[in-house]
Amino acid sequence: MARPRVHFRSPMPTSSSTHVSAGASAASDSVVAELRAVFKSGATTELSWRLAQLDGIIALLSEQEPAIAAALATDLGRNATEAWLGDIAATKAEAIYARKHLRSWMRKRRTTLPLAQLPGRAWIQHDPLGVVLVIGPWNYPVYLTLGPLVAAVAAGNAVVLKPSEVVPATAALLASLVPRYLDPRAVRVVEGDALVTQHLISEGVNHIVFTGGTDIGRKIMAAAAPTLTPVLLELGGKSPVVVAADADLDVAARRIAWLKLVNSGQTCIAPDYVLVDASVADVLVTKICASVAEFRSKEADSRLRIVNERQFDRLATLIAGTTGRVVSGGQFDRDALLIEPTVIADPGNDDRVMAEEIFGPILPVVRYESIDAAVELINSKPKPLALYVFSASRAWACDVIDRVPSGGAVVNHLAMHCMVPQLPFGGVGASGMGAYHGRWGFEALSHQRAVLVKSTWPDLRLVYPPYTDRALAIMRRLF
């Protein structure tokens, strides 16, 4: 039986989404204060409200797919298939999963008590935090804004969404659609730049979810420190791919090339560089180049769109400055912000392309003589958001995973862990802190509150002062 569509209508539509330029402080202060008042009223805590918000997210994604795809095409040059795959499908799956399991997540979890605490009962309950600020990125502006929203409303919070100003068409669309499908009193969209974000943080929201680069993540954390606001940071880093000599090279090449091309490589868990056993390195490079050519063969232009001039100039500099061999691609057009998918063989470890996160359609491939050397190279860099290992031996792959810390790991594929709501998704070290998706998101944006209920009988006098030697001896045995 189909669920009824849920559309929330605001009596004052202009209050549910805000565009802030001048007067950023006053506008953002008002939004946070209003959301705080709504939360204190208890409007967001009931199961029915939470389910209605999840239904609204599902309906928004289902009914507005063409509009979302058009906005993403305008901002990022992304086609409709990638818009569905990268921003719509995974977000909808998160909302559907949360709706299915929310009742069980909200139940109190009973726990046993030590003998000294009997008679009594104890449980853990998940209380909403209050007002959650979601700061969305530009690369997957729907998925990485509405995905955290799923967790926030499932946990019973009021939410302020701050989409990235780098993708204005998508930000404007979210500002228009969110108050139509979700409760406009408790879920607000604020458009604006970094100054707006700073003011929102300074208001002392109850939790911040930020997705973006490591450097900005540090600034978010510093801005949250004065108000002691907890943060969940999903950052990035150089996610490596390790390919063993026994790997299925055809499959590895296709999967590496596929994810590197999605969204022009502007994906936080895209393969940043490949480490391949020297005995099969040349074969793998040839197969990756062939896969790239095949995947782009039906496109009118094989080049890929980059989001803006700043990112384009950075990527062009990485290509121009490498000491490796450009074996495929390497051409770019600044006027059109287009870069050819580029494969670089054997760049130096000191090259910028090996030192900083690429976040674009450039793939360095480095051969290794021993797996120990490969592990040492990876571990010489900050901990990555993802680690990918291709091998016919599960034991060998798991050994590599155990030796290389990362936010998540996948064997014989890439990025699929991000689409599994039964798994936590998050970084470690420089690639982030905290995790969400599925129950993990619900718990991250809830307060796990300990509750102990005691009876008034018996009320042993020996636990009260003045203490006798006998009372202390008994207490030492009890406690």
Protein backbone atom coordinates (compact mmCIF):
# COMPACT_ATOMS: atom_id res chain seq x y z
CA MET A 1 0.00 0.00 0.00
CA ALA A 2 1.54 3.30 -1.02
CA ARG A 3 2.20 5.86 1.71
CA PRO A 4 0.37 9.17 1.31
CA ARG A 5 2.50 12.06 0.18
CA VAL A 6 3.26 14.55 2.90
CA HIS A 7 3.48 18.25 2.01
CA PHE A 8 3.93 20.80 4.77
CA ARG A 9 2.58 24.23 4.02
CA SER A 10 3.95 27.15 5.96
CA PRO A 11 1.61 29.98 6.91
CA MET A 12 4.56 32.30 6.22
CA PRO A 13 6.56 30.70 3.39
CA THR A 14 9.28 33.34 3.46
CA SER A 15 10.25 32.33 7.01
CA SER A 16 11.13 28.75 6.13
CA SER A 17 14.03 29.58 3.84
CA THR A 18 16.34 32.53 4.14
CA HIS A 19 18.82 34.12 1.78
CA VAL A 20 21.45 36.01 3.70
CA SER A 21 23.97 38.46 2.36
CA ALA A 22 23.92 41.74 4.24
CA GLY A 23 22.67 41.48 7.79
CA ALA A 24 23.97 37.93 8.07
CA SER A 25 24.24 38.01 11.84
CA ALA A 26 20.71 39.16 12.57
CA ALA A 27 19.12 36.81 10.05
CA SER A 28 21.00 33.71 11.19
CA ASP A 29 20.45 34.62 14.86
CA SER A 30 16.71 34.75 14.17
CA VAL A 31 16.68 31.36 12.45
CA VAL A 32 18.52 29.58 15.26
CA ALA A 33 16.40 31.25 17.94
CA GLU A 34 13.17 30.28 16.17
CA LEU A 35 14.31 26.69 15.73
CA ARG A 36 15.34 26.50 19.36
CA ALA A 37 11.86 27.66 20.40
CA VAL A 38 10.21 25.07 18.15
CA PHE A 39 12.35 22.31 19.62
CA LYS A 40 11.59 23.39 23.19
CA SER A 41 7.88 23.17 22.38
CA GLY A 42 8.30 19.41 21.88
CA ALA A 43 7.01 19.51 18.32
CA THR A 44 9.87 17.44 16.90
CA THR A 45 10.09 14.64 19.44
CA GLU A 46 7.06 12.51 18.59
CA LEU A 47 7.46 9.45 16.39
CA SER A 48 4.70 10.68 14.08
CA TRP A 49 6.57 13.93 13.37
CA ARG A 50 9.81 12.11 12.64
CA LEU A 51 8.11 9.67 10.28
CA ALA A 52 6.38 12.53 8.48
CA GLN A 53 9.72 14.24 7.84
CA LEU A 54 11.21 11.05 6.44
CA ASP A 55 8.16 10.63 4.21
CA GLY A 56 8.64 14.20 3.06
CA ILE A 57 12.27 13.57 2.12
CA ILE A 58 11.30 10.45 0.18
CA ALA A 59 8.52 12.32 -1.63
CA LEU A 60 10.79 15.27 -2.44
CA LEU A 61 13.40 13.01 -4.02
CA SER A 62 10.81 10.98 -5.92
CA GLU A 63 8.73 13.85 -7.27
CA GLN A 64 11.47 16.40 -7.89
CA GLU A 65 14.10 14.23 -9.60
CA PRO A 66 13.92 16.21 -12.88
CA ALA A 67 14.31 19.53 -11.07
CA ILE A 68 17.21 18.20 -9.02
CA ALA A 69 18.92 16.85 -12.13
CA ALA A 70 18.49 20.19 -13.91
CA ALA A 71 20.01 22.11 -10.99
CA LEU A 72 22.98 19.73 -10.80
CA ALA A 73 23.51 20.06 -14.54
CA THR A 74 23.59 23.83 -14.20
CA ASP A 75 25.98 23.86 -11.25
CA LEU A 76 28.22 20.88 -12.02
CA GLY A 77 27.57 19.82 -15.60
CA ARG A 78 26.42 16.46 -14.32
CA ASN A 79 24.10 14.32 -16.46
CA ALA A 80 20.76 12.96 -15.25
CA THR A 81 22.08 9.45 -14.62
CA GLU A 82 24.87 10.68 -12.37
CA ALA A 83 22.43 13.03 -10.64
CA TRP A 84 20.20 10.07 -9.81
CA LEU A 85 23.05 7.77 -8.82
CA GLY A 86 25.13 10.27 -6.87
CA ASP A 87 22.54 12.45 -5.17
CA ILE A 88 19.07 10.92 -5.31
CA ALA A 89 19.24 7.13 -5.04
CA ALA A 90 21.51 6.93 -2.01
CA THR A 91 19.65 9.69 -0.16
CA LYS A 92 16.30 8.04 -0.76
CA ALA A 93 17.69 4.68 0.38
CA GLU A 94 18.87 6.29 3.64
CA ALA A 95 15.44 7.81 4.28
CA ILE A 96 13.60 4.56 3.49
CA TYR A 97 15.94 2.57 5.74
CA ALA A 98 15.55 5.05 8.60
CA ARG A 99 11.77 5.01 8.27
CA LYS A 100 11.71 1.22 8.42
CA HIS A 101 13.85 0.99 11.55
CA LEU A 102 13.04 4.18 13.44
CA ARG A 103 10.62 2.62 15.93
CA SER A 104 13.21 0.08 17.06
CA TRP A 105 15.95 2.73 17.25
CA MET A 106 13.79 4.85 19.55
CA ARG A 107 13.05 2.05 22.03
CA LYS A 108 14.70 2.22 25.42
CA ARG A 109 17.53 -0.28 25.72
CA ARG A 110 17.35 -2.11 29.02
CA THR A 111 20.55 -3.10 30.74
CA THR A 112 21.48 -5.26 33.73
CA LEU A 113 22.65 -3.91 37.06
CA PRO A 114 25.42 -4.97 39.42
CA LEU A 115 24.32 -6.65 42.67
CA ALA A 116 25.03 -3.51 44.69
CA GLN A 117 22.47 -1.54 42.65
CA LEU A 118 19.59 -3.97 43.19
CA PRO A 119 16.69 -3.53 43.47
CA GLY A 120 16.48 -1.17 40.54
CA ARG A 121 16.09 -0.81 36.79
CA ALA A 122 18.27 0.86 34.19
CA TRP A 123 18.03 1.74 30.54
CA ILE A 124 19.54 3.91 27.82
CA GLN A 125 17.26 6.25 25.93
CA HIS A 126 18.05 8.37 22.90
CA ASP A 127 17.07 11.99 23.46
CA PRO A 128 17.10 14.59 20.66
CA LEU A 129 19.92 17.11 20.94
CA GLY A 130 18.06 20.26 19.91
CA VAL A 131 19.08 22.29 16.85
CA VAL A 132 21.40 20.59 14.35
CA LEU A 133 23.31 22.58 11.74
CA VAL A 134 24.07 20.73 8.49
CA ILE A 135 26.72 22.46 6.37
CA GLY A 136 26.50 20.92 2.91
CA PRO A 137 29.32 20.71 0.33
CA TRP A 138 29.19 21.54 -3.36
CA ASN A 139 30.22 18.21 -4.89
CA TYR A 140 27.11 16.19 -3.92
CA PRO A 141 24.94 19.04 -2.69
CA VAL A 142 21.71 17.07 -2.36
CA TYR A 143 23.03 13.79 -0.97
CA LEU A 144 25.43 15.38 1.50
CA THR A 145 22.85 17.90 2.70
CA LEU A 146 19.70 15.78 2.84
CA GLY A 147 21.57 12.63 3.94
CA PRO A 148 22.53 14.18 7.30
CA LEU A 149 19.04 15.66 7.45
CA VAL A 150 17.66 12.10 7.48
CA ALA A 151 19.68 11.35 10.61
CA ALA A 152 18.83 14.67 12.24
CA VAL A 153 15.04 14.44 11.88
CA ALA A 154 15.02 10.71 12.68
CA ALA A 155 16.65 11.66 15.97
CA GLY A 156 13.94 14.28 16.59
CA ASN A 157 15.94 17.46 16.10
CA ALA A 158 15.12 20.81 14.58
CA VAL A 159 17.49 21.45 11.69
CA VAL A 160 19.04 24.34 9.81
CA LEU A 161 20.46 23.43 6.40
CA LYS A 162 23.23 25.57 4.97
CA PRO A 163 23.80 24.52 1.32
CA SER A 164 27.04 25.44 -0.42
CA GLU A 165 27.07 28.80 -2.15
CA VAL A 166 29.33 27.28 -4.83
CA VAL A 167 26.25 25.56 -6.34
CA PRO A 168 23.66 28.35 -6.36
CA ALA A 169 21.05 26.62 -8.52
CA THR A 170 20.93 23.59 -6.23
CA ALA A 171 20.97 25.73 -3.09
CA ALA A 172 18.05 27.78 -4.39
CA LEU A 173 16.15 24.62 -5.30
CA LEU A 174 16.61 23.18 -1.81
CA ALA A 175 15.46 26.47 -0.30
CA SER A 176 12.33 26.25 -2.43
CA LEU A 177 11.53 22.56 -1.98
CA VAL A 178 12.40 21.78 1.63
CA PRO A 179 9.62 23.92 3.18
CA ARG A 180 7.11 22.32 0.80
CA TYR A 181 7.92 18.76 1.84
CA LEU A 182 9.08 19.09 5.45
CA ASP A 183 7.82 20.98 8.48
CA PRO A 184 8.88 24.59 7.76
CA ARG A 185 8.74 25.49 11.45
CA ALA A 186 11.46 23.00 12.36
CA VAL A 187 13.54 22.51 9.18
CA ARG A 188 14.96 25.67 7.68
CA VAL A 189 17.26 26.40 4.76
CA VAL A 190 19.67 29.34 5.01
CA GLU A 191 21.51 30.38 1.87
CA GLY A 192 24.69 32.42 1.97
CA ASP A 193 28.46 32.36 2.15
CA ALA A 194 31.06 31.47 4.78
CA LEU A 195 30.12 34.52 6.87
CA VAL A 196 26.62 33.11 7.27
CA THR A 197 28.05 29.78 8.38
CA GLN A 198 30.20 31.52 10.98
CA HIS A 199 27.20 33.34 12.42
CA LEU A 200 25.12 30.18 12.57
CA ILE A 201 27.90 28.38 14.44
CA SER A 202 28.42 31.29 16.83
CA GLU A 203 24.78 31.01 17.91
CA GLY A 204 25.60 27.78 19.70
CA VAL A 205 23.60 25.11 17.93
CA ASN A 206 23.57 21.68 19.55
CA HIS A 207 25.47 19.76 16.87
CA ILE A 208 27.20 20.49 13.57
CA VAL A 209 27.51 18.13 10.63
CA PHE A 210 30.06 19.34 8.09
CA THR A 211 31.18 17.70 4.86
CA GLY A 212 34.11 19.27 3.03
CA GLY A 213 37.86 19.68 2.93
CA THR A 214 40.20 19.07 5.85
CA ASP A 215 41.36 22.69 6.05
CA ILE A 216 37.80 24.02 6.29
CA GLY A 217 37.00 21.24 8.75
CA ARG A 218 39.66 22.65 11.07
CA LYS A 219 38.06 26.08 10.83
CA ILE A 220 34.62 24.66 11.57
CA MET A 221 35.98 22.90 14.63
CA ALA A 222 37.72 26.05 15.83
CA ALA A 223 34.56 28.11 15.35
CA ALA A 224 32.55 25.54 17.33
CA ALA A 225 34.99 25.52 20.25
CA PRO A 226 33.81 28.71 22.04
CA THR A 227 30.27 27.31 22.37
CA LEU A 228 31.48 23.73 22.98
CA THR A 229 29.36 22.57 20.06
CA PRO A 230 30.11 18.96 19.07
CA VAL A 231 30.97 18.36 15.43
CA LEU A 232 30.70 15.49 13.00
CA LEU A 233 33.28 16.06 10.27
CA GLU A 234 33.26 14.09 7.03
CA LEU A 235 36.39 15.30 5.30
CA GLY A 236 38.53 13.68 2.65
CA GLY A 237 42.15 12.82 2.00
CA LYS A 238 44.08 10.73 -0.46
CA SER A 239 42.14 7.49 -0.67
CA PRO A 240 44.48 4.83 -2.10
CA VAL A 241 43.81 1.75 -4.20
CA VAL A 242 46.14 -1.22 -3.68
CA VAL A 243 46.15 -3.74 -6.53
CA ALA A 244 47.80 -7.12 -5.99
CA ALA A 245 49.44 -9.20 -8.73
CA ASP A 246 46.64 -11.79 -8.45
CA ALA A 247 43.80 -9.26 -8.81
CA ASP A 248 41.30 -9.44 -11.66
CA LEU A 249 42.84 -6.56 -13.59
CA ASP A 250 39.91 -6.12 -15.98
CA VAL A 251 37.47 -5.66 -13.11
CA ALA A 252 39.88 -3.48 -11.15
CA ALA A 253 40.53 -1.21 -14.14
CA ARG A 254 36.82 -0.78 -14.90
CA ARG A 255 35.86 -0.03 -11.31
CA ILE A 256 38.76 2.37 -10.72
CA ALA A 257 38.06 4.24 -13.96
CA TRP A 258 34.32 4.35 -13.29
CA LEU A 259 34.56 5.98 -9.88
CA LYS A 260 37.32 8.34 -10.99
CA LEU A 261 35.05 9.66 -13.75
CA VAL A 262 31.89 10.05 -11.64
CA ASN A 263 31.27 13.74 -10.95
CA SER A 264 34.57 14.53 -12.71
CA GLY A 265 36.48 12.88 -9.88
CA GLN A 266 35.12 15.47 -7.45
CA THR A 267 34.18 12.83 -4.89
CA CYS A 268 35.57 12.56 -1.37
CA ILE A 269 35.92 8.77 -1.62
CA ALA A 270 37.17 8.68 -5.22
CA PRO A 271 40.40 6.74 -5.82
CA ASP A 272 43.11 9.35 -5.32
CA TYR A 273 46.04 7.21 -6.42
CA VAL A 274 46.73 3.58 -7.30
CA LEU A 275 49.53 1.41 -5.93
CA VAL A 276 49.96 -1.67 -8.12
CA ASP A 277 52.33 -4.62 -7.98
CA ALA A 278 55.20 -3.86 -10.37
CA SER A 279 54.73 -7.16 -12.21
CA VAL A 280 51.28 -6.11 -13.48
CA ALA A 281 51.60 -2.32 -13.42
CA ASP A 282 51.91 -1.74 -17.17
CA VAL A 283 48.98 -4.03 -17.90
CA LEU A 284 46.77 -2.27 -15.34
CA VAL A 285 47.64 1.18 -16.67
CA THR A 286 46.74 0.08 -20.20
CA LYS A 287 43.42 -1.35 -19.02
CA ILE A 288 42.53 1.75 -16.99
CA CYS A 289 43.19 3.98 -20.01
CA ALA A 290 41.10 1.68 -22.19
CA SER A 291 38.24 1.75 -19.68
CA VAL A 292 38.32 5.55 -19.49
CA ALA A 293 38.19 5.76 -23.30
CA GLU A 294 35.30 3.28 -23.46
CA PHE A 295 33.27 5.05 -20.77
CA ARG A 296 33.63 8.41 -22.53
CA SER A 297 33.28 7.07 -26.10
CA LYS A 298 29.64 8.10 -26.55
CA GLU A 299 30.07 11.57 -25.09
CA ALA A 300 30.25 14.52 -27.46
CA ASP A 301 33.25 15.77 -25.49
CA SER A 302 35.53 13.40 -23.60
CA ARG A 303 36.60 16.18 -21.25
CA LEU A 304 35.01 16.66 -17.84
CA ARG A 305 33.57 19.79 -16.26
CA ILE A 306 35.26 21.27 -13.18
CA VAL A 307 33.18 23.27 -10.73
CA ASN A 308 34.99 26.63 -10.88
CA GLU A 309 38.17 28.41 -11.92
CA ARG A 310 39.90 28.01 -8.57
CA GLN A 311 39.53 24.23 -8.66
CA PHE A 312 40.41 24.13 -12.35
CA ASP A 313 43.65 26.09 -11.86
CA ARG A 314 44.68 23.83 -9.00
CA LEU A 315 44.11 20.68 -11.08
CA ALA A 316 45.88 22.08 -14.14
CA THR A 317 48.88 22.86 -11.94
CA LEU A 318 48.94 19.27 -10.68
CA ILE A 319 49.15 17.96 -14.25
CA ALA A 320 51.71 20.52 -15.40
CA GLY A 321 53.95 19.97 -12.39
CA THR A 322 54.18 16.20 -12.31
CA THR A 323 57.42 14.33 -12.89
CA GLY A 324 55.48 11.26 -13.97
CA ARG A 325 54.44 10.22 -17.48
CA VAL A 326 51.05 11.44 -18.69
CA VAL A 327 49.93 8.29 -20.46
CA SER A 328 46.36 9.39 -21.17
CA GLY A 329 44.64 12.77 -21.34
CA GLY A 330 46.40 15.78 -19.93
CA GLN A 331 44.64 18.45 -22.02
CA PHE A 332 42.51 21.19 -20.51
CA ASP A 333 40.50 24.27 -21.48
CA ARG A 334 40.28 26.99 -18.86
CA ASP A 335 37.62 29.01 -20.67
CA ALA A 336 35.24 26.05 -20.63
CA LEU A 337 36.52 24.63 -17.29
CA LEU A 338 37.09 21.26 -18.98
CA ILE A 339 39.85 18.75 -18.21
CA GLU A 340 40.55 15.47 -19.98
CA PRO A 341 40.56 12.41 -17.73
CA THR A 342 44.28 12.06 -17.06
CA VAL A 343 46.32 9.03 -16.04
CA ILE A 344 49.84 9.68 -14.75
CA ALA A 345 52.27 6.78 -14.46
CA ASP A 346 54.96 6.75 -11.76
CA PRO A 347 54.86 10.32 -10.44
CA GLY A 348 57.41 11.19 -7.78
CA ASN A 349 56.24 10.93 -4.21
CA ASP A 350 57.12 14.61 -3.74
CA ASP A 351 54.92 15.70 -6.66
CA ARG A 352 51.96 17.80 -5.62
CA VAL A 353 49.71 15.25 -7.29
CA MET A 354 50.93 12.72 -4.69
CA ALA A 355 51.04 15.15 -1.78
CA GLU A 356 47.56 16.72 -1.76
CA GLU A 357 44.03 15.47 -2.32
CA ILE A 358 43.33 15.64 -6.06
CA PHE A 359 39.53 15.95 -6.14
CA GLY A 360 39.41 15.84 -9.92
CA PRO A 361 39.78 13.53 -12.96
CA ILE A 362 43.50 12.88 -12.47
CA LEU A 363 44.75 9.42 -11.50
CA PRO A 364 48.37 8.74 -10.51
CA VAL A 365 49.45 5.09 -10.78
CA VAL A 366 52.55 4.03 -8.85
CA ARG A 367 54.18 0.59 -8.97
CA TYR A 368 55.40 -1.13 -5.81
CA GLU A 369 58.00 -3.85 -5.42
CA SER A 370 56.70 -5.16 -2.09
CA ILE A 371 53.48 -4.76 -0.17
CA ASP A 372 55.49 -3.56 2.81
CA ALA A 373 56.72 -0.64 0.72
CA ALA A 374 53.17 0.13 -0.42
CA VAL A 375 51.86 0.08 3.14
CA GLU A 376 54.71 2.30 4.29
CA LEU A 377 53.92 4.82 1.54
CA ILE A 378 50.23 5.00 2.44
CA ASN A 379 50.95 5.29 6.15
CA SER A 380 53.38 8.13 5.54
CA LYS A 381 50.38 10.27 4.60
CA PRO A 382 47.41 11.37 6.73
CA LYS A 383 44.79 8.67 7.32
CA PRO A 384 42.49 8.48 4.27
CA LEU A 385 38.71 8.46 4.20
CA ALA A 386 38.67 5.18 2.24
CA LEU A 387 41.03 2.34 1.38
CA TYR A 388 40.45 0.03 -1.59
CA VAL A 389 42.19 -3.31 -2.07
CA PHE A 390 41.95 -5.58 -5.14
CA SER A 391 43.13 -9.15 -4.69
CA ALA A 392 41.97 -12.71 -5.28
CA SER A 393 43.02 -13.49 -1.69
CA ARG A 394 40.64 -12.22 0.95
CA ALA A 395 43.22 -12.96 3.64
CA TRP A 396 45.83 -10.86 1.83
CA ALA A 397 43.38 -8.01 1.35
CA CYS A 398 42.29 -8.08 4.99
CA ASP A 399 45.92 -8.08 6.09
CA VAL A 400 46.46 -4.86 4.13
CA ILE A 401 43.32 -3.36 5.66
CA ASP A 402 44.54 -4.25 9.16
CA ARG A 403 47.87 -2.54 8.48
CA VAL A 404 46.48 0.67 6.97
CA PRO A 405 44.15 2.86 9.07
CA SER A 406 41.32 4.50 7.13
CA GLY A 407 37.78 5.74 7.60
CA GLY A 408 36.37 2.75 5.70
CA ALA A 409 37.61 0.01 3.40
CA VAL A 410 36.32 -2.00 0.45
CA VAL A 411 37.75 -5.17 -1.10
CA ASN A 412 37.46 -5.61 -4.89
CA HIS A 413 35.30 -2.52 -5.39
CA LEU A 414 35.19 1.17 -4.61
CA ALA A 415 32.81 3.42 -2.66
CA MET A 416 30.11 0.77 -2.19
CA HIS A 417 30.41 0.96 1.61
CA CYS A 418 28.96 4.48 1.40
CA MET A 419 25.71 3.02 0.03
CA VAL A 420 25.19 0.49 2.85
CA PRO A 421 23.08 2.05 5.65
CA GLN A 422 23.93 -0.88 7.91
CA LEU A 423 27.55 0.38 7.99
CA PRO A 424 28.86 3.54 9.65
CA PHE A 425 30.35 6.11 7.30
CA GLY A 426 33.01 8.50 8.51
CA GLY A 427 36.67 9.36 8.62
CA VAL A 428 39.53 9.03 11.05
CA GLY A 429 42.28 11.50 11.84
CA ALA A 430 42.57 14.13 9.11
CA SER A 431 39.77 12.49 7.11
CA GLY A 432 37.15 13.26 9.74
CA MET A 433 35.58 12.39 13.06
CA GLY A 434 32.31 10.76 13.94
CA ALA A 435 30.16 8.58 11.69
CA TYR A 436 26.62 8.53 10.37
CA HIS A 437 24.29 6.60 8.00
CA GLY A 438 21.59 4.27 9.28
CA ARG A 439 21.45 3.76 13.04
CA TRP A 440 24.88 5.34 13.31
CA GLY A 441 23.46 8.68 12.18
CA PHE A 442 20.49 8.41 14.53
CA GLU A 443 22.81 7.77 17.47
CA ALA A 444 25.34 10.43 16.44
CA LEU A 445 22.63 13.09 16.55
CA SER A 446 21.02 11.83 19.75
CA HIS A 447 22.10 12.01 23.37
CA GLN A 448 22.46 8.48 24.70
CA ARG A 449 21.08 9.12 28.14
CA ALA A 450 21.62 6.78 31.07
CA VAL A 451 18.60 6.35 33.36
CA LEU A 452 18.68 4.48 36.66
CA VAL A 453 15.49 3.94 38.69
CA LYS A 454 15.90 2.94 42.33
CA SER A 455 13.35 1.95 44.95
CA THR A 456 13.18 3.65 48.35
CA TRP A 457 13.50 0.30 50.11
CA PRO A 458 15.81 -0.98 51.40
CA ASP A 459 17.59 2.19 52.52
CA LEU A 460 20.72 0.88 54.19
CA ARG A 461 21.93 3.21 56.91
CA LEU A 462 25.49 1.96 56.62
CA VAL A 463 26.02 3.99 53.42
CA TYR A 464 25.48 7.27 55.31
CA PRO A 465 28.02 8.95 57.60
CA PRO A 466 29.33 8.75 60.21
CA TYR A 467 31.00 5.57 58.97
CA THR A 468 32.04 2.76 61.30
CA ASP A 469 34.82 0.33 60.49
CA ARG A 470 32.20 -2.39 60.04
CA ALA A 471 30.15 -0.22 57.65
CA LEU A 472 33.22 0.57 55.55
CA ALA A 473 34.16 -3.11 55.38
CA ILE A 474 30.67 -4.02 54.12
CA MET A 475 30.67 -1.12 51.61
CA ARG A 476 34.00 -2.24 50.21
CA ARG A 477 32.52 -5.66 49.52
CA LEU A 478 29.33 -4.24 47.99
CA PHE A 479 30.85 -1.56 45.77
